[in-house]
Amino acid sequence: MDSTSNVKVVNGKGKQKKKFKTRDDRLSSSEKRRQKRVSEKQATTTCFACREKGHSARNCPKTGDGDQSKKVVGMCYRCGSTRHTLSRCKKPEDLSNPLPFASCFVCNGKGHLASACPQNRDKGVYPNGGCCKLCGETTHLAKDCDLRKKDTNILARVIGIDDNVGADEDDFHIIGRRKHQLDKDERRMEKSQRLKDVKVGAQSGIIKSFGKVPASLPKKVVYF
C-alpha cells in the first residue's frame, strides 16, 4: 500500500489538510494568555498598604481580615457609602473630621488615609519617593498644590527665591517658568498615559497600563 494513501488531498496537490483547533482548545489557549497577562500586571503592581510589589491594597495579606480590607477600599471615606467614591460624594465636608470612614494602611488607624499618616510623612502620596516640586510636601501632587493658586508675592516668600538673581530674573519670571515646566510635564504625562491606555484605581490609586506603546521610529541617518 502506498505510504501516502492516508494523506488527505486538497485541491489535488497532495497537501495535508490543516487540523483546526476545537472550541475547548481555543478557550484553553485564551485562558492561558489571560492568566499570563494578569500575572504580569500583578508583578508590577505596588501595594499602597505595605509598599511591596505583587499585589494591590485590596488583596494585601498584611492588612488583617481580607474581607474587611476590601470593604475599606471600596467605600466612600466621607459618608461610608459603597455606591460612590469620595470624589463624587455630595455630603458636605466636616472640617473637624473630614474622613470618618477612612482606614490607614500604615498604622491601621481610623479617620485618615496613608498619605496623611504621621508615620508615613517621608513618602506620603509618593510610595516610590519624591515630593511636590513647588513646596516640597509629600501630602499632595504638584498639580494639586495650593501654591499654584496664590499670587506671586506669596509664592516668592514661601518658595524662597534667591535675592542674588539678576534684574531680569524677578519673582514673577522665576515662578512663571516653574509653573510652565509643571504644566509641560503634566501634558507630557497625560499624552503618555493616553498612548498606554493607563487606568487609575478610584480608591486604591493603583496605576495600570492596558495599551501598547507604539514602536519607536528608526533613527534617520544622513550621509554627507
N, C-alpha and C. Protein backbone atom coordinates (compact mmCIF):
# COMPACT_ATOMS: atom_id res chain seq x y z
N MET A 1 0.85 -1.20 0.00
CA MET A 1 0.00 0.00 0.00
C MET A 1 0.88 1.24 0.00
N ASP A 2 0.48 2.22 -0.75
CA ASP A 2 1.24 3.45 -0.82
C ASP A 2 1.25 4.14 0.53
N SER A 3 2.43 4.61 0.94
CA SER A 3 2.56 5.23 2.26
C SER A 3 1.81 6.54 2.34
N THR A 4 1.47 7.11 1.20
CA THR A 4 0.78 8.40 1.20
C THR A 4 -0.72 8.25 1.03
N SER A 5 -1.20 7.03 1.17
CA SER A 5 -2.64 6.81 0.96
C SER A 5 -3.48 7.42 2.06
N ASN A 6 -2.89 7.59 3.26
CA ASN A 6 -3.64 8.17 4.38
C ASN A 6 -3.60 9.69 4.40
N VAL A 7 -2.85 10.28 3.46
CA VAL A 7 -2.76 11.73 3.40
C VAL A 7 -3.97 12.28 2.67
N LYS A 8 -4.66 13.21 3.31
CA LYS A 8 -5.82 13.82 2.69
C LYS A 8 -5.38 14.84 1.66
N VAL A 9 -5.93 14.73 0.46
CA VAL A 9 -5.54 15.58 -0.64
C VAL A 9 -6.50 16.75 -0.74
N VAL A 10 -5.93 17.95 -0.85
CA VAL A 10 -6.72 19.16 -1.00
C VAL A 10 -6.36 19.79 -2.33
N ASN A 11 -7.36 20.02 -3.16
CA ASN A 11 -7.17 20.62 -4.48
C ASN A 11 -6.22 19.82 -5.36
N GLY A 12 -6.09 18.49 -5.05
CA GLY A 12 -5.28 17.62 -5.88
C GLY A 12 -3.80 17.91 -5.85
N LYS A 13 -3.30 18.63 -4.86
CA LYS A 13 -1.88 18.99 -4.81
C LYS A 13 -1.12 18.21 -3.74
N GLY A 14 -1.76 17.26 -3.09
CA GLY A 14 -1.07 16.41 -2.14
C GLY A 14 -0.76 17.06 -0.81
N LYS A 15 -1.35 18.24 -0.51
CA LYS A 15 -1.10 18.91 0.76
C LYS A 15 -2.02 18.36 1.84
N GLN A 16 -1.50 18.24 3.02
CA GLN A 16 -2.31 17.77 4.14
C GLN A 16 -3.27 18.86 4.59
N LYS A 17 -4.46 18.43 4.89
CA LYS A 17 -5.46 19.38 5.37
C LYS A 17 -5.09 19.85 6.77
N LYS A 18 -5.18 21.15 6.97
CA LYS A 18 -4.82 21.73 8.25
C LYS A 18 -5.81 21.32 9.33
N LYS A 19 -5.30 20.90 10.45
CA LYS A 19 -6.14 20.48 11.56
C LYS A 19 -6.51 21.70 12.40
N PHE A 20 -7.78 22.02 12.46
CA PHE A 20 -8.24 23.18 13.22
C PHE A 20 -8.44 22.81 14.69
N LYS A 21 -8.18 23.79 15.56
CA LYS A 21 -8.37 23.57 16.99
C LYS A 21 -9.85 23.52 17.33
N THR A 22 -10.16 22.72 18.31
CA THR A 22 -11.54 22.65 18.77
C THR A 22 -11.86 23.88 19.62
N ARG A 23 -13.12 24.05 19.94
CA ARG A 23 -13.54 25.20 20.74
C ARG A 23 -12.90 25.16 22.13
N ASP A 24 -12.80 23.96 22.71
CA ASP A 24 -12.19 23.84 24.04
C ASP A 24 -10.71 24.21 24.00
N ASP A 25 -10.02 23.82 22.91
CA ASP A 25 -8.61 24.16 22.78
C ASP A 25 -8.41 25.67 22.68
N ARG A 26 -9.29 26.33 21.91
CA ARG A 26 -9.18 27.78 21.76
C ARG A 26 -9.44 28.49 23.09
N LEU A 27 -10.45 28.01 23.82
CA LEU A 27 -10.76 28.62 25.12
C LEU A 27 -9.61 28.42 26.11
N SER A 28 -9.00 27.23 26.06
CA SER A 28 -7.89 26.95 26.96
C SER A 28 -6.70 27.85 26.66
N SER A 29 -6.40 28.05 25.38
CA SER A 29 -5.28 28.92 25.00
C SER A 29 -5.56 30.37 25.39
N SER A 30 -6.82 30.80 25.21
CA SER A 30 -7.19 32.17 25.57
C SER A 30 -7.08 32.38 27.07
N GLU A 31 -7.48 31.38 27.85
CA GLU A 31 -7.41 31.49 29.30
C GLU A 31 -5.96 31.54 29.78
N LYS A 32 -5.10 30.77 29.12
CA LYS A 32 -3.68 30.80 29.49
C LYS A 32 -3.06 32.17 29.22
N ARG A 33 -3.44 32.75 28.08
CA ARG A 33 -2.91 34.08 27.76
C ARG A 33 -3.43 35.12 28.74
N ARG A 34 -4.71 34.99 29.14
CA ARG A 34 -5.29 35.93 30.10
C ARG A 34 -4.59 35.82 31.46
N GLN A 35 -4.36 34.59 31.90
CA GLN A 35 -3.68 34.39 33.18
C GLN A 35 -2.26 34.94 33.15
N LYS A 36 -1.61 34.83 31.99
CA LYS A 36 -0.26 35.36 31.85
C LYS A 36 -0.26 36.88 31.96
N ARG A 37 -1.27 37.53 31.32
CA ARG A 37 -1.36 38.99 31.40
C ARG A 37 -1.64 39.43 32.83
N VAL A 38 -2.51 38.70 33.53
CA VAL A 38 -2.82 39.03 34.92
C VAL A 38 -1.58 38.92 35.79
N SER A 39 -0.80 37.86 35.58
CA SER A 39 0.41 37.66 36.37
C SER A 39 1.42 38.77 36.12
N GLU A 40 1.54 39.19 34.85
CA GLU A 40 2.48 40.26 34.52
C GLU A 40 2.07 41.58 35.16
N LYS A 41 0.75 41.86 35.17
CA LYS A 41 0.27 43.10 35.79
C LYS A 41 0.48 43.09 37.30
N GLN A 42 0.22 41.93 37.92
CA GLN A 42 0.39 41.84 39.36
C GLN A 42 1.85 41.97 39.76
N ALA A 43 2.74 41.49 38.90
CA ALA A 43 4.17 41.56 39.21
C ALA A 43 4.67 42.99 39.28
N THR A 44 4.03 43.89 38.53
CA THR A 44 4.46 45.29 38.51
C THR A 44 3.58 46.19 39.36
N THR A 45 2.60 45.62 40.07
CA THR A 45 1.70 46.41 40.92
C THR A 45 2.32 46.64 42.29
N THR A 46 2.28 47.87 42.76
CA THR A 46 2.80 48.22 44.08
C THR A 46 1.65 48.42 45.05
N CYS A 47 1.68 47.70 46.15
CA CYS A 47 0.63 47.80 47.16
C CYS A 47 0.80 49.09 47.96
N PHE A 48 -0.27 49.88 48.09
CA PHE A 48 -0.21 51.12 48.84
C PHE A 48 -0.29 50.87 50.34
N ALA A 49 -0.55 49.63 50.75
CA ALA A 49 -0.63 49.32 52.18
C ALA A 49 0.73 48.96 52.76
N CYS A 50 1.43 48.01 52.12
CA CYS A 50 2.72 47.55 52.64
C CYS A 50 3.89 47.97 51.78
N ARG A 51 3.62 48.66 50.63
CA ARG A 51 4.65 49.16 49.71
C ARG A 51 5.42 48.04 49.02
N GLU A 52 4.91 46.81 49.06
CA GLU A 52 5.55 45.70 48.36
C GLU A 52 4.87 45.47 47.02
N LYS A 53 5.61 44.83 46.11
CA LYS A 53 5.07 44.56 44.77
C LYS A 53 4.47 43.16 44.70
N GLY A 54 3.55 42.99 43.74
CA GLY A 54 2.96 41.68 43.51
C GLY A 54 1.49 41.59 43.87
N HIS A 55 0.92 42.62 44.50
CA HIS A 55 -0.50 42.61 44.84
C HIS A 55 -0.95 44.04 45.07
N SER A 56 -2.27 44.23 45.12
CA SER A 56 -2.86 45.55 45.36
C SER A 56 -3.26 45.68 46.83
N ALA A 57 -3.61 46.90 47.21
CA ALA A 57 -4.01 47.14 48.60
C ALA A 57 -5.27 46.37 48.96
N ARG A 58 -6.14 46.15 47.97
CA ARG A 58 -7.38 45.41 48.23
C ARG A 58 -7.09 43.98 48.67
N ASN A 59 -6.01 43.38 48.15
CA ASN A 59 -5.68 41.98 48.45
C ASN A 59 -4.41 41.86 49.30
N CYS A 60 -4.07 42.90 50.02
CA CYS A 60 -2.84 42.88 50.81
C CYS A 60 -2.95 41.88 51.96
N PRO A 61 -1.99 40.97 52.10
CA PRO A 61 -2.06 39.99 53.19
C PRO A 61 -1.69 40.57 54.55
N LYS A 62 -1.19 41.80 54.59
CA LYS A 62 -0.75 42.39 55.85
C LYS A 62 -1.76 43.36 56.45
N THR A 63 -2.96 43.42 55.87
CA THR A 63 -3.97 44.35 56.39
C THR A 63 -4.99 43.66 57.28
N GLY A 64 -4.68 42.46 57.73
CA GLY A 64 -5.61 41.77 58.62
C GLY A 64 -6.65 41.00 57.85
N ASP A 65 -7.92 41.16 58.24
CA ASP A 65 -9.03 40.46 57.61
C ASP A 65 -9.18 40.89 56.17
N GLY A 66 -9.10 39.94 55.23
CA GLY A 66 -9.21 40.28 53.82
C GLY A 66 -10.53 40.90 53.45
N ASP A 67 -11.63 40.34 53.98
CA ASP A 67 -12.95 40.89 53.67
C ASP A 67 -13.09 42.31 54.19
N GLN A 68 -12.56 42.55 55.37
CA GLN A 68 -12.65 43.89 55.95
C GLN A 68 -11.85 44.90 55.14
N SER A 69 -10.67 44.49 54.66
CA SER A 69 -9.84 45.40 53.87
C SER A 69 -10.51 45.73 52.56
N LYS A 70 -11.22 44.76 51.96
CA LYS A 70 -11.93 45.02 50.72
C LYS A 70 -13.05 46.03 50.94
N LYS A 71 -13.73 45.94 52.10
CA LYS A 71 -14.80 46.90 52.39
C LYS A 71 -14.23 48.30 52.56
N VAL A 72 -13.07 48.40 53.20
CA VAL A 72 -12.46 49.71 53.42
C VAL A 72 -12.04 50.34 52.11
N VAL A 73 -11.48 49.54 51.21
CA VAL A 73 -11.01 50.07 49.93
C VAL A 73 -12.15 50.51 49.05
N GLY A 74 -13.28 49.83 49.10
CA GLY A 74 -14.37 50.09 48.16
C GLY A 74 -15.48 50.98 48.67
N MET A 75 -15.22 51.87 49.62
CA MET A 75 -16.28 52.72 50.14
C MET A 75 -15.88 54.18 50.08
N CYS A 76 -16.89 55.04 50.24
CA CYS A 76 -16.63 56.48 50.33
C CYS A 76 -16.14 56.78 51.74
N TYR A 77 -15.01 57.47 51.84
CA TYR A 77 -14.42 57.72 53.15
C TYR A 77 -15.14 58.82 53.92
N ARG A 78 -16.06 59.54 53.28
CA ARG A 78 -16.75 60.64 53.95
C ARG A 78 -18.09 60.21 54.54
N CYS A 79 -18.86 59.41 53.77
CA CYS A 79 -20.19 59.02 54.25
C CYS A 79 -20.33 57.51 54.45
N GLY A 80 -19.36 56.73 54.01
CA GLY A 80 -19.42 55.29 54.21
C GLY A 80 -20.18 54.53 53.15
N SER A 81 -20.66 55.19 52.12
CA SER A 81 -21.42 54.52 51.07
C SER A 81 -20.49 53.70 50.17
N THR A 82 -21.02 52.58 49.67
CA THR A 82 -20.27 51.76 48.71
C THR A 82 -20.77 51.97 47.29
N ARG A 83 -21.63 52.97 47.09
CA ARG A 83 -22.19 53.24 45.76
C ARG A 83 -21.43 54.31 45.00
N HIS A 84 -20.55 55.02 45.68
CA HIS A 84 -19.77 56.05 45.01
C HIS A 84 -18.44 56.22 45.74
N THR A 85 -17.53 56.95 45.10
CA THR A 85 -16.23 57.21 45.68
C THR A 85 -16.22 58.58 46.37
N LEU A 86 -15.11 58.88 47.03
CA LEU A 86 -15.01 60.14 47.76
C LEU A 86 -15.12 61.34 46.83
N SER A 87 -14.58 61.25 45.63
CA SER A 87 -14.61 62.38 44.70
C SER A 87 -16.02 62.73 44.24
N ARG A 88 -16.95 61.80 44.35
CA ARG A 88 -18.33 62.03 43.91
C ARG A 88 -19.31 62.16 45.07
N CYS A 89 -18.81 62.24 46.27
CA CYS A 89 -19.69 62.36 47.43
C CYS A 89 -20.27 63.77 47.50
N LYS A 90 -21.57 63.87 47.74
CA LYS A 90 -22.27 65.15 47.81
C LYS A 90 -22.47 65.63 49.25
N LYS A 91 -22.05 64.83 50.21
CA LYS A 91 -22.20 65.23 51.60
C LYS A 91 -21.20 66.33 51.93
N PRO A 92 -21.63 67.40 52.61
CA PRO A 92 -20.70 68.48 52.98
C PRO A 92 -19.57 67.95 53.87
N GLU A 93 -18.39 68.49 53.67
CA GLU A 93 -17.22 68.04 54.43
C GLU A 93 -17.23 68.60 55.84
N ASP A 94 -16.99 67.74 56.81
CA ASP A 94 -16.86 68.15 58.20
C ASP A 94 -15.38 68.43 58.47
N LEU A 95 -15.03 69.69 58.65
CA LEU A 95 -13.63 70.07 58.80
C LEU A 95 -12.98 69.44 60.04
N SER A 96 -13.77 69.17 61.06
CA SER A 96 -13.21 68.57 62.27
C SER A 96 -12.91 67.09 62.08
N ASN A 97 -13.65 66.43 61.18
CA ASN A 97 -13.43 65.00 60.90
C ASN A 97 -13.78 64.75 59.44
N PRO A 98 -12.91 65.12 58.50
CA PRO A 98 -13.25 65.06 57.08
C PRO A 98 -13.41 63.65 56.53
N LEU A 99 -12.71 62.67 57.09
CA LEU A 99 -12.76 61.30 56.56
C LEU A 99 -13.02 60.30 57.69
N PRO A 100 -14.24 60.29 58.23
CA PRO A 100 -14.51 59.42 59.37
C PRO A 100 -14.46 57.93 59.04
N PHE A 101 -14.68 57.57 57.78
CA PHE A 101 -14.71 56.15 57.40
C PHE A 101 -13.40 55.69 56.77
N ALA A 102 -12.40 56.54 56.76
CA ALA A 102 -11.11 56.17 56.17
C ALA A 102 -10.34 55.27 57.12
N SER A 103 -9.58 54.36 56.54
CA SER A 103 -8.74 53.45 57.33
C SER A 103 -7.32 53.52 56.80
N CYS A 104 -6.38 53.80 57.66
CA CYS A 104 -4.98 53.96 57.26
C CYS A 104 -4.31 52.60 57.17
N PHE A 105 -3.64 52.35 56.04
CA PHE A 105 -2.95 51.09 55.84
C PHE A 105 -1.59 51.05 56.54
N VAL A 106 -1.12 52.20 57.00
CA VAL A 106 0.20 52.25 57.63
C VAL A 106 0.11 51.95 59.12
N CYS A 107 -0.78 52.67 59.83
CA CYS A 107 -0.90 52.50 61.28
C CYS A 107 -2.17 51.76 61.69
N ASN A 108 -3.02 51.40 60.70
CA ASN A 108 -4.30 50.73 60.96
C ASN A 108 -5.26 51.59 61.77
N GLY A 109 -5.03 52.90 61.77
CA GLY A 109 -5.93 53.80 62.47
C GLY A 109 -7.11 54.22 61.62
N LYS A 110 -8.04 54.94 62.21
CA LYS A 110 -9.24 55.41 61.52
C LYS A 110 -9.22 56.93 61.42
N GLY A 111 -9.91 57.44 60.39
CA GLY A 111 -10.08 58.87 60.25
C GLY A 111 -9.08 59.56 59.35
N HIS A 112 -8.14 58.82 58.80
CA HIS A 112 -7.18 59.42 57.86
C HIS A 112 -6.65 58.34 56.92
N LEU A 113 -6.08 58.79 55.80
CA LEU A 113 -5.50 57.88 54.81
C LEU A 113 -4.00 57.77 55.03
N ALA A 114 -3.40 56.82 54.33
CA ALA A 114 -1.96 56.60 54.47
C ALA A 114 -1.15 57.82 54.05
N SER A 115 -1.69 58.59 53.09
CA SER A 115 -0.97 59.77 52.62
C SER A 115 -0.83 60.84 53.70
N ALA A 116 -1.76 60.86 54.67
CA ALA A 116 -1.72 61.86 55.74
C ALA A 116 -1.33 61.26 57.08
N CYS A 117 -0.85 60.04 57.07
CA CYS A 117 -0.50 59.36 58.33
C CYS A 117 0.79 59.95 58.90
N PRO A 118 0.83 60.24 60.21
CA PRO A 118 2.07 60.76 60.82
C PRO A 118 3.25 59.81 60.68
N GLN A 119 2.96 58.50 60.56
CA GLN A 119 4.03 57.52 60.42
C GLN A 119 4.51 57.38 58.97
N ASN A 120 3.87 58.11 58.06
CA ASN A 120 4.21 57.99 56.65
C ASN A 120 4.56 59.36 56.05
N ARG A 121 5.10 60.25 56.86
CA ARG A 121 5.39 61.60 56.38
C ARG A 121 6.50 61.62 55.34
N ASP A 122 7.40 60.64 55.41
CA ASP A 122 8.53 60.64 54.48
C ASP A 122 8.09 60.40 53.04
N LYS A 123 7.06 59.55 52.83
CA LYS A 123 6.64 59.20 51.47
C LYS A 123 5.30 59.81 51.09
N GLY A 124 4.34 59.82 51.99
CA GLY A 124 3.03 60.41 51.68
C GLY A 124 2.39 59.75 50.49
N VAL A 125 2.04 60.56 49.48
CA VAL A 125 1.42 60.03 48.26
C VAL A 125 2.47 59.63 47.23
N TYR A 126 3.72 59.58 47.64
CA TYR A 126 4.81 59.18 46.74
C TYR A 126 5.44 57.89 47.25
N PRO A 127 4.84 56.73 46.97
CA PRO A 127 5.37 55.46 47.51
C PRO A 127 6.77 55.14 47.02
N ASN A 128 7.15 55.68 45.87
CA ASN A 128 8.49 55.43 45.32
C ASN A 128 9.46 56.58 45.61
N GLY A 129 9.07 57.48 46.51
CA GLY A 129 9.90 58.62 46.83
C GLY A 129 9.55 59.83 45.99
N GLY A 130 9.98 61.00 46.45
CA GLY A 130 9.68 62.24 45.73
C GLY A 130 8.85 63.18 46.57
N CYS A 131 8.52 64.33 46.00
CA CYS A 131 7.73 65.32 46.72
C CYS A 131 7.17 66.32 45.72
N CYS A 132 6.33 67.23 46.21
CA CYS A 132 5.78 68.29 45.37
C CYS A 132 6.91 69.20 44.90
N LYS A 133 6.94 69.51 43.62
CA LYS A 133 8.03 70.32 43.05
C LYS A 133 7.94 71.78 43.45
N LEU A 134 6.80 72.21 43.97
CA LEU A 134 6.65 73.61 44.35
C LEU A 134 6.96 73.86 45.82
N CYS A 135 6.36 73.05 46.70
CA CYS A 135 6.51 73.32 48.13
C CYS A 135 7.32 72.25 48.86
N GLY A 136 7.58 71.11 48.21
CA GLY A 136 8.37 70.07 48.85
C GLY A 136 7.60 69.14 49.76
N GLU A 137 6.27 69.31 49.87
CA GLU A 137 5.47 68.44 50.73
C GLU A 137 5.21 67.11 50.03
N THR A 138 4.86 66.09 50.83
CA THR A 138 4.55 64.76 50.29
C THR A 138 3.08 64.40 50.44
N THR A 139 2.26 65.34 50.87
CA THR A 139 0.84 65.05 51.11
C THR A 139 -0.02 65.29 49.88
N HIS A 140 0.55 65.82 48.80
CA HIS A 140 -0.23 66.10 47.60
C HIS A 140 0.69 66.12 46.39
N LEU A 141 0.09 66.08 45.19
CA LEU A 141 0.85 66.18 43.95
C LEU A 141 1.04 67.65 43.59
N ALA A 142 1.99 67.90 42.71
CA ALA A 142 2.28 69.29 42.32
C ALA A 142 1.09 69.94 41.65
N LYS A 143 0.30 69.16 40.89
CA LYS A 143 -0.86 69.73 40.19
C LYS A 143 -1.95 70.16 41.16
N ASP A 144 -1.94 69.63 42.39
CA ASP A 144 -2.94 69.98 43.39
C ASP A 144 -2.40 70.93 44.45
N CYS A 145 -1.20 71.43 44.26
CA CYS A 145 -0.58 72.29 45.27
C CYS A 145 -1.31 73.63 45.36
N ASP A 146 -1.56 74.07 46.59
CA ASP A 146 -2.25 75.35 46.81
C ASP A 146 -1.41 76.54 46.37
N LEU A 147 -0.11 76.37 46.30
CA LEU A 147 0.75 77.49 45.92
C LEU A 147 0.51 77.94 44.49
N ARG A 148 0.00 77.05 43.65
CA ARG A 148 -0.26 77.42 42.26
C ARG A 148 -1.43 78.40 42.16
N LYS A 149 -2.22 78.49 43.23
CA LYS A 149 -3.38 79.37 43.20
C LYS A 149 -3.11 80.71 43.90
N LYS A 150 -1.94 80.84 44.51
CA LYS A 150 -1.63 82.06 45.24
C LYS A 150 -0.92 83.07 44.35
N ASP A 151 -0.87 84.32 44.81
CA ASP A 151 -0.24 85.36 44.00
C ASP A 151 1.27 85.25 44.04
N THR A 152 1.92 86.05 43.21
CA THR A 152 3.37 85.95 43.03
C THR A 152 4.14 86.27 44.30
N ASN A 153 3.73 87.28 45.05
CA ASN A 153 4.46 87.69 46.25
C ASN A 153 4.45 86.60 47.31
N ILE A 154 3.27 85.97 47.49
CA ILE A 154 3.18 84.89 48.48
C ILE A 154 4.04 83.71 48.04
N LEU A 155 3.99 83.38 46.75
CA LEU A 155 4.80 82.28 46.24
C LEU A 155 6.28 82.54 46.46
N ALA A 156 6.71 83.77 46.24
CA ALA A 156 8.12 84.10 46.40
C ALA A 156 8.57 83.92 47.84
N ARG A 157 7.71 84.29 48.79
CA ARG A 157 8.08 84.16 50.20
C ARG A 157 8.11 82.70 50.63
N VAL A 158 7.14 81.91 50.12
CA VAL A 158 7.05 80.51 50.54
C VAL A 158 8.15 79.67 49.91
N ILE A 159 8.35 79.84 48.59
CA ILE A 159 9.35 79.03 47.89
C ILE A 159 10.76 79.44 48.29
N GLY A 160 10.98 80.73 48.49
CA GLY A 160 12.30 81.20 48.88
C GLY A 160 13.16 81.52 47.69
N ILE A 161 12.83 82.58 46.96
CA ILE A 161 13.59 82.97 45.79
C ILE A 161 14.91 83.60 46.22
N ASP A 162 15.97 83.29 45.51
CA ASP A 162 17.30 83.83 45.84
C ASP A 162 17.33 85.34 45.63
N ASP A 163 17.92 86.06 46.59
CA ASP A 163 17.99 87.52 46.49
C ASP A 163 19.07 88.00 45.52
N ASN A 164 19.95 87.10 45.08
CA ASN A 164 21.08 87.49 44.25
C ASN A 164 20.82 87.32 42.76
N VAL A 165 19.56 87.16 42.36
CA VAL A 165 19.27 86.98 40.94
C VAL A 165 19.37 88.33 40.24
N GLY A 166 19.49 88.27 38.92
CA GLY A 166 19.62 89.49 38.15
C GLY A 166 18.33 90.26 38.06
N ALA A 167 18.42 91.45 37.43
CA ALA A 167 17.25 92.32 37.34
C ALA A 167 16.14 91.69 36.52
N ASP A 168 16.54 90.89 35.52
CA ASP A 168 15.52 90.28 34.66
C ASP A 168 15.02 88.96 35.23
N GLU A 169 15.57 88.53 36.37
CA GLU A 169 15.16 87.27 36.97
C GLU A 169 14.32 87.56 38.21
N ASP A 170 13.25 88.32 38.06
CA ASP A 170 12.43 88.65 39.21
C ASP A 170 11.54 87.47 39.58
N ASP A 171 10.79 87.65 40.68
CA ASP A 171 9.96 86.56 41.19
C ASP A 171 8.96 86.09 40.16
N PHE A 172 8.37 87.03 39.46
CA PHE A 172 7.32 86.68 38.52
C PHE A 172 7.84 85.73 37.44
N HIS A 173 9.02 86.03 36.89
CA HIS A 173 9.56 85.20 35.82
C HIS A 173 9.99 83.83 36.34
N ILE A 174 10.60 83.79 37.50
CA ILE A 174 11.07 82.52 38.04
C ILE A 174 9.90 81.59 38.33
N ILE A 175 8.88 82.12 39.01
CA ILE A 175 7.72 81.30 39.35
C ILE A 175 6.94 80.94 38.09
N GLY A 176 6.88 81.88 37.16
CA GLY A 176 6.19 81.59 35.91
C GLY A 176 6.84 80.44 35.16
N ARG A 177 8.18 80.41 35.13
CA ARG A 177 8.86 79.31 34.46
C ARG A 177 8.63 78.00 35.18
N ARG A 178 8.59 78.05 36.49
CA ARG A 178 8.38 76.83 37.26
C ARG A 178 6.98 76.28 37.01
N LYS A 179 5.99 77.15 36.97
CA LYS A 179 4.63 76.72 36.66
C LYS A 179 4.55 76.16 35.25
N HIS A 180 5.20 76.85 34.31
CA HIS A 180 5.18 76.40 32.92
C HIS A 180 5.80 75.01 32.79
N GLN A 181 6.89 74.76 33.52
CA GLN A 181 7.53 73.45 33.46
C GLN A 181 6.62 72.37 34.03
N LEU A 182 5.90 72.68 35.11
CA LEU A 182 4.97 71.72 35.69
C LEU A 182 3.84 71.40 34.71
N ASP A 183 3.29 72.45 34.08
CA ASP A 183 2.22 72.23 33.10
C ASP A 183 2.73 71.39 31.93
N LYS A 184 3.95 71.65 31.50
CA LYS A 184 4.53 70.90 30.39
C LYS A 184 4.72 69.43 30.76
N ASP A 185 5.18 69.18 31.98
CA ASP A 185 5.36 67.80 32.44
C ASP A 185 4.03 67.08 32.54
N GLU A 186 2.98 67.79 33.00
CA GLU A 186 1.66 67.17 33.12
C GLU A 186 1.10 66.80 31.75
N ARG A 187 1.27 67.70 30.77
CA ARG A 187 0.78 67.40 29.42
C ARG A 187 1.53 66.22 28.82
N ARG A 188 2.83 66.14 29.07
CA ARG A 188 3.60 65.02 28.56
C ARG A 188 3.15 63.71 29.21
N MET A 189 2.86 63.76 30.51
CA MET A 189 2.41 62.56 31.20
C MET A 189 1.02 62.12 30.73
N GLU A 190 0.12 63.10 30.52
CA GLU A 190 -1.21 62.77 30.04
C GLU A 190 -1.15 62.14 28.65
N LYS A 191 -0.29 62.65 27.79
CA LYS A 191 -0.14 62.09 26.45
C LYS A 191 0.40 60.67 26.52
N SER A 192 1.36 60.44 27.40
CA SER A 192 1.93 59.11 27.56
C SER A 192 0.89 58.13 28.09
N GLN A 193 0.03 58.60 29.02
CA GLN A 193 -1.00 57.73 29.57
C GLN A 193 -2.06 57.40 28.53
N ARG A 194 -2.36 58.36 27.65
CA ARG A 194 -3.32 58.07 26.59
C ARG A 194 -2.78 57.02 25.64
N LEU A 195 -1.50 57.09 25.32
CA LEU A 195 -0.90 56.10 24.43
C LEU A 195 -0.86 54.72 25.06
N LYS A 196 -0.64 54.68 26.37
CA LYS A 196 -0.56 53.40 27.06
C LYS A 196 -1.90 52.92 27.57
N ASP A 197 -2.96 53.73 27.40
CA ASP A 197 -4.30 53.40 27.91
C ASP A 197 -4.22 53.14 29.42
N VAL A 198 -3.67 54.10 30.14
CA VAL A 198 -3.47 53.95 31.58
C VAL A 198 -4.78 54.18 32.31
N LYS A 199 -5.05 53.33 33.30
CA LYS A 199 -6.23 53.48 34.14
C LYS A 199 -5.79 53.48 35.59
N VAL A 200 -6.41 54.36 36.39
CA VAL A 200 -6.05 54.52 37.79
C VAL A 200 -7.22 54.08 38.66
N GLY A 201 -6.94 53.25 39.68
CA GLY A 201 -7.98 52.80 40.59
C GLY A 201 -8.57 53.96 41.36
N ALA A 202 -9.90 54.03 41.45
CA ALA A 202 -10.55 55.16 42.09
C ALA A 202 -10.22 55.24 43.57
N GLN A 203 -10.12 54.10 44.25
CA GLN A 203 -9.86 54.09 45.68
C GLN A 203 -8.42 53.73 46.01
N SER A 204 -7.89 52.71 45.36
CA SER A 204 -6.54 52.26 45.69
C SER A 204 -5.46 53.15 45.10
N GLY A 205 -5.79 53.84 43.98
CA GLY A 205 -4.79 54.68 43.34
C GLY A 205 -3.79 53.92 42.52
N ILE A 206 -4.02 52.62 42.30
CA ILE A 206 -3.09 51.79 41.55
C ILE A 206 -3.17 52.14 40.08
N ILE A 207 -2.02 52.30 39.46
CA ILE A 207 -1.94 52.67 38.05
C ILE A 207 -1.56 51.45 37.24
N LYS A 208 -2.36 51.15 36.21
CA LYS A 208 -2.08 50.02 35.33
C LYS A 208 -2.19 50.44 33.88
N SER A 209 -1.43 49.78 33.05
CA SER A 209 -1.43 50.07 31.62
C SER A 209 -2.10 48.93 30.88
N PHE A 210 -3.08 49.26 30.02
CA PHE A 210 -3.80 48.26 29.26
C PHE A 210 -3.55 48.38 27.76
N GLY A 211 -2.73 49.30 27.35
CA GLY A 211 -2.49 49.51 25.94
C GLY A 211 -1.09 49.11 25.54
N LYS A 212 -0.79 49.32 24.27
CA LYS A 212 0.52 49.00 23.74
C LYS A 212 1.22 50.29 23.35
N VAL A 213 2.47 50.39 23.73
CA VAL A 213 3.25 51.57 23.37
C VAL A 213 3.72 51.42 21.94
N PRO A 214 3.45 52.41 21.08
CA PRO A 214 3.89 52.28 19.68
C PRO A 214 5.39 52.18 19.58
N ALA A 215 5.83 51.35 18.64
CA ALA A 215 7.26 51.16 18.45
C ALA A 215 7.92 52.46 18.02
N SER A 216 9.10 52.71 18.56
CA SER A 216 9.81 53.93 18.21
C SER A 216 10.29 53.87 16.77
N LEU A 217 10.24 55.02 16.10
CA LEU A 217 10.66 55.09 14.71
C LEU A 217 12.18 54.95 14.62
N PRO A 218 12.66 54.30 13.57
CA PRO A 218 14.11 54.16 13.42
C PRO A 218 14.77 55.52 13.22
N LYS A 219 15.99 55.63 13.73
CA LYS A 219 16.70 56.89 13.61
C LYS A 219 17.07 57.16 12.15
N LYS A 220 16.95 58.41 11.78
CA LYS A 220 17.26 58.81 10.42
C LYS A 220 18.75 59.08 10.29
N VAL A 221 19.37 58.45 9.29
CA VAL A 221 20.80 58.59 9.07
C VAL A 221 21.02 59.50 7.87
N VAL A 222 21.82 60.52 8.06
CA VAL A 222 22.12 61.47 7.00
C VAL A 222 23.56 61.27 6.55
N TYR A 223 23.73 61.06 5.27
CA TYR A 223 25.08 60.86 4.71
C TYR A 223 25.54 62.15 4.04
N PHE A 224 26.78 62.52 4.23
CA PHE A 224 27.35 63.73 3.64
C PHE A 224 28.33 63.35 2.53
